[in-house]
Amino acid sequence: MEPTVAPEESRAQLVGSLWWVTAAMALHELEEWNIASWTARNFTNPTGISDQAVWIGLVVVTAIFAGWILAATRLHSPVAIAIAALPPVGLVAMGNSVQHITWTLLFSEYAPGVASVLLLVIPTAGFALWQMLRVHRAFAPAIAVCAGLWVVAAVQVVATGRTLQPFQLVLQHFFIGVAEVLGLPGIAGGG
């Protein structure tokens, strides 16, 4: 199967689209600045994570996402870039978007992060996925698998309802610990 556009052109367009997704995700993380109080209000098993611990987590998640895209965009081949960038774009950015939209619908209220998801993350990630398809049509099945996992993510959010999922609890406890090691309150109201 032949690529759909010239490699030099497809590489430049793909790399540009990936940096747009990265910027959108950074802005998305900024929109989540108050998610600790929202989580405490909406879930039956909150950890009590402090704003400071959340902010550390948001910075770390943004840095990991940006680092992954940086590593992917240093590759020469557009196909290699697309392979490396598919997980953060197709699973992390889009999967997290589905989670925020589902929470908003499930709880009938604004979930911190949903505005940036709708206005920035989904359009830029969708564009990046389209650029991957332009690099090579063989990405269609992988993107379809990602889309199937978005449905699974939405079903899982609905199924767990007002209970935080185990991976969310693990992450919150980790960043509570990081905050405390740094001398910041890890638990809301903590010293």
Protein backbone atom coordinates (compact mmCIF):
# COMPACT_ATOMS: atom_id res chain seq x y z
CA MET A 1 0.00 0.00 0.00
CA GLU A 2 1.46 3.37 -1.02
CA PRO A 3 1.52 6.45 1.21
CA THR A 4 -1.17 8.98 0.32
CA VAL A 5 1.13 12.07 0.23
CA ALA A 6 4.83 12.77 -0.30
CA PRO A 7 6.91 11.82 2.77
CA GLU A 8 8.41 15.30 3.30
CA GLU A 9 5.02 16.99 3.09
CA SER A 10 3.29 14.40 5.26
CA ARG A 11 6.06 14.58 7.90
CA ALA A 12 5.78 18.35 8.24
CA GLN A 13 1.99 18.28 8.40
CA LEU A 14 1.94 15.41 10.89
CA VAL A 15 4.56 17.00 13.15
CA GLY A 16 2.67 20.31 13.12
CA SER A 17 -0.60 18.60 13.97
CA LEU A 18 1.02 16.74 16.87
CA TRP A 19 2.28 19.98 18.41
CA TRP A 20 -1.23 21.44 18.12
CA VAL A 21 -2.54 18.45 20.10
CA THR A 22 0.19 19.00 22.68
CA ALA A 23 -0.80 22.66 23.07
CA ALA A 24 -4.46 21.66 23.35
CA MET A 25 -3.64 19.10 26.04
CA ALA A 26 -1.60 21.67 27.99
CA LEU A 27 -4.54 24.08 27.91
CA HIS A 28 -6.84 21.21 28.89
CA GLU A 29 -4.69 20.48 31.94
CA LEU A 30 -4.86 24.17 32.88
CA GLU A 31 -8.65 24.02 32.75
CA GLU A 32 -8.53 21.23 35.33
CA TRP A 33 -7.01 23.54 37.98
CA ASN A 34 -10.06 23.06 40.24
CA ILE A 35 -10.76 19.38 39.66
CA ALA A 36 -9.91 18.40 43.27
CA SER A 37 -12.99 20.08 44.75
CA TRP A 38 -15.14 18.83 41.84
CA THR A 39 -13.91 15.26 42.46
CA ALA A 40 -14.60 15.53 46.20
CA ARG A 41 -18.13 16.74 45.45
CA ASN A 42 -18.99 14.17 42.75
CA PHE A 43 -17.39 10.88 43.80
CA THR A 44 -18.18 8.57 46.70
CA ASN A 45 -14.55 7.52 47.25
CA PRO A 46 -12.50 10.72 46.98
CA THR A 47 -8.91 10.65 48.20
CA GLY A 48 -9.06 14.19 49.55
CA ILE A 49 -6.25 15.23 47.20
CA SER A 50 -5.18 18.85 47.62
CA ASP A 51 -5.12 21.43 44.84
CA GLN A 52 -1.33 21.50 45.12
CA ALA A 53 -1.07 17.74 44.56
CA VAL A 54 -3.43 18.03 41.58
CA TRP A 55 -1.36 20.84 40.10
CA ILE A 56 1.82 18.76 40.42
CA GLY A 57 0.01 15.91 38.67
CA LEU A 58 -1.20 18.18 35.88
CA VAL A 59 2.33 19.49 35.27
CA VAL A 60 3.77 15.96 35.25
CA VAL A 61 1.08 14.64 32.88
CA THR A 62 1.64 17.60 30.54
CA ALA A 63 5.41 17.07 30.60
CA ILE A 64 5.06 13.34 29.86
CA PHE A 65 2.65 14.00 26.99
CA ALA A 66 4.91 16.72 25.53
CA GLY A 67 8.00 14.54 25.99
CA TRP A 68 6.35 11.65 24.18
CA ILE A 69 5.40 13.91 21.27
CA LEU A 70 8.90 15.43 21.26
CA ALA A 71 10.43 11.96 21.03
CA ALA A 72 7.99 10.93 18.28
CA THR A 73 8.62 14.05 16.21
CA ARG A 74 12.39 13.49 16.30
CA LEU A 75 11.95 10.34 14.20
CA HIS A 76 12.66 10.73 10.50
CA SER A 77 9.97 8.62 8.87
CA PRO A 78 6.37 9.92 8.91
CA VAL A 79 5.21 6.32 9.42
CA ALA A 80 7.47 5.93 12.47
CA ILE A 81 6.25 9.28 13.85
CA ALA A 82 2.62 8.20 13.41
CA ILE A 83 3.27 4.83 15.09
CA ALA A 84 4.99 6.53 18.04
CA ALA A 85 2.35 9.27 18.37
CA LEU A 86 -0.76 7.12 18.04
CA PRO A 87 -0.93 6.10 21.74
CA PRO A 88 -0.80 9.61 23.24
CA VAL A 89 -3.13 11.06 20.60
CA GLY A 90 -5.50 8.18 19.91
CA LEU A 91 -5.70 6.80 23.43
CA VAL A 92 -4.68 9.49 25.94
CA ALA A 93 -6.03 12.68 24.34
CA MET A 94 -9.17 11.18 22.84
CA GLY A 95 -9.77 8.73 25.70
CA ASN A 96 -9.52 11.49 28.29
CA SER A 97 -11.88 13.59 26.17
CA VAL A 98 -14.47 10.83 26.24
CA GLN A 99 -14.10 10.59 30.01
CA HIS A 100 -14.80 14.33 30.51
CA ILE A 101 -17.76 14.36 28.16
CA THR A 102 -19.22 11.26 29.82
CA TRP A 103 -18.79 12.79 33.30
CA THR A 104 -20.53 15.97 32.15
CA LEU A 105 -23.48 13.99 30.81
CA LEU A 106 -23.57 11.54 33.74
CA PHE A 107 -23.43 14.18 36.48
CA SER A 108 -25.46 16.82 34.56
CA GLU A 109 -22.88 19.47 35.37
CA TYR A 110 -19.67 20.93 34.01
CA ALA A 111 -16.70 18.61 34.51
CA PRO A 112 -13.46 20.62 34.68
CA GLY A 113 -11.71 20.12 31.35
CA VAL A 114 -14.78 19.53 29.17
CA ALA A 115 -14.68 22.95 27.47
CA SER A 116 -11.10 22.51 26.27
CA VAL A 117 -11.87 18.93 25.25
CA LEU A 118 -14.74 20.06 23.02
CA LEU A 119 -13.08 23.20 21.64
CA LEU A 120 -9.42 22.14 21.41
CA VAL A 121 -8.47 18.55 22.18
CA ILE A 122 -10.98 16.67 20.02
CA PRO A 123 -10.51 18.94 16.97
CA THR A 124 -6.70 18.89 17.14
CA ALA A 125 -6.44 15.17 17.98
CA GLY A 126 -8.95 14.38 15.23
CA PHE A 127 -6.86 16.39 12.80
CA ALA A 128 -3.68 14.60 13.90
CA LEU A 129 -5.37 11.21 13.43
CA TRP A 130 -6.44 12.32 9.97
CA GLN A 131 -2.82 13.31 9.23
CA MET A 132 -1.77 9.81 10.29
CA LEU A 133 -4.23 8.40 7.77
CA ARG A 134 -2.75 10.69 5.12
CA VAL A 135 0.70 9.30 5.96
CA HIS A 136 -0.57 5.80 5.29
CA ARG A 137 -4.03 4.28 5.00
CA ALA A 138 -2.77 1.29 6.95
CA PHE A 139 -3.36 3.35 10.12
CA ALA A 140 -7.14 3.02 9.63
CA PRO A 141 -7.46 -0.27 11.58
CA ALA A 142 -5.35 1.06 14.48
CA ILE A 143 -7.44 4.23 14.65
CA ALA A 144 -10.59 2.09 14.52
CA VAL A 145 -9.29 0.08 17.50
CA CYS A 146 -8.69 3.36 19.35
CA ALA A 147 -12.27 4.42 18.57
CA GLY A 148 -13.52 1.12 19.95
CA LEU A 149 -11.55 1.77 23.13
CA TRP A 150 -13.20 5.22 23.41
CA VAL A 151 -16.54 3.42 23.57
CA VAL A 152 -15.16 1.05 26.20
CA ALA A 153 -13.91 4.07 28.19
CA ALA A 154 -17.34 5.71 28.08
CA VAL A 155 -19.04 2.48 29.18
CA GLN A 156 -16.54 2.09 32.01
CA VAL A 157 -17.18 5.66 33.24
CA VAL A 158 -20.94 5.02 33.20
CA ALA A 159 -20.52 1.63 34.89
CA THR A 160 -18.39 3.04 37.72
CA GLY A 161 -20.68 6.06 38.09
CA ARG A 162 -19.69 8.08 41.13
CA THR A 163 -16.80 5.77 42.05
CA LEU A 164 -13.26 6.73 41.06
CA GLN A 165 -11.58 4.00 39.06
CA PRO A 166 -8.53 2.19 40.52
CA PHE A 167 -6.05 3.88 38.15
CA GLN A 168 -7.41 7.30 39.20
CA LEU A 169 -6.96 6.42 42.87
CA VAL A 170 -3.40 5.20 42.30
CA LEU A 171 -2.49 8.41 40.46
CA GLN A 172 -4.07 10.60 43.14
CA HIS A 173 -2.27 8.77 45.95
CA PHE A 174 1.01 9.04 44.05
CA PHE A 175 0.67 12.82 43.60
CA ILE A 176 -0.47 13.23 47.22
CA GLY A 177 2.83 11.58 48.18
CA VAL A 178 4.86 13.73 45.78
CA ALA A 179 3.30 16.90 47.18
CA GLU A 180 4.05 15.82 50.75
CA VAL A 181 7.67 14.97 49.87
CA LEU A 182 7.95 18.50 48.44
CA GLY A 183 6.61 19.93 51.71
CA LEU A 184 3.22 20.82 50.22
CA PRO A 185 -0.15 19.63 51.47
CA GLY A 186 -1.09 16.39 49.78
CA ILE A 187 -4.52 16.21 51.35
CA ALA A 188 -6.97 19.12 51.10
CA GLY A 189 -6.93 21.06 54.34
CA GLY A 190 -3.70 19.28 55.35
CA GLY A 191 -0.67 21.11 56.67
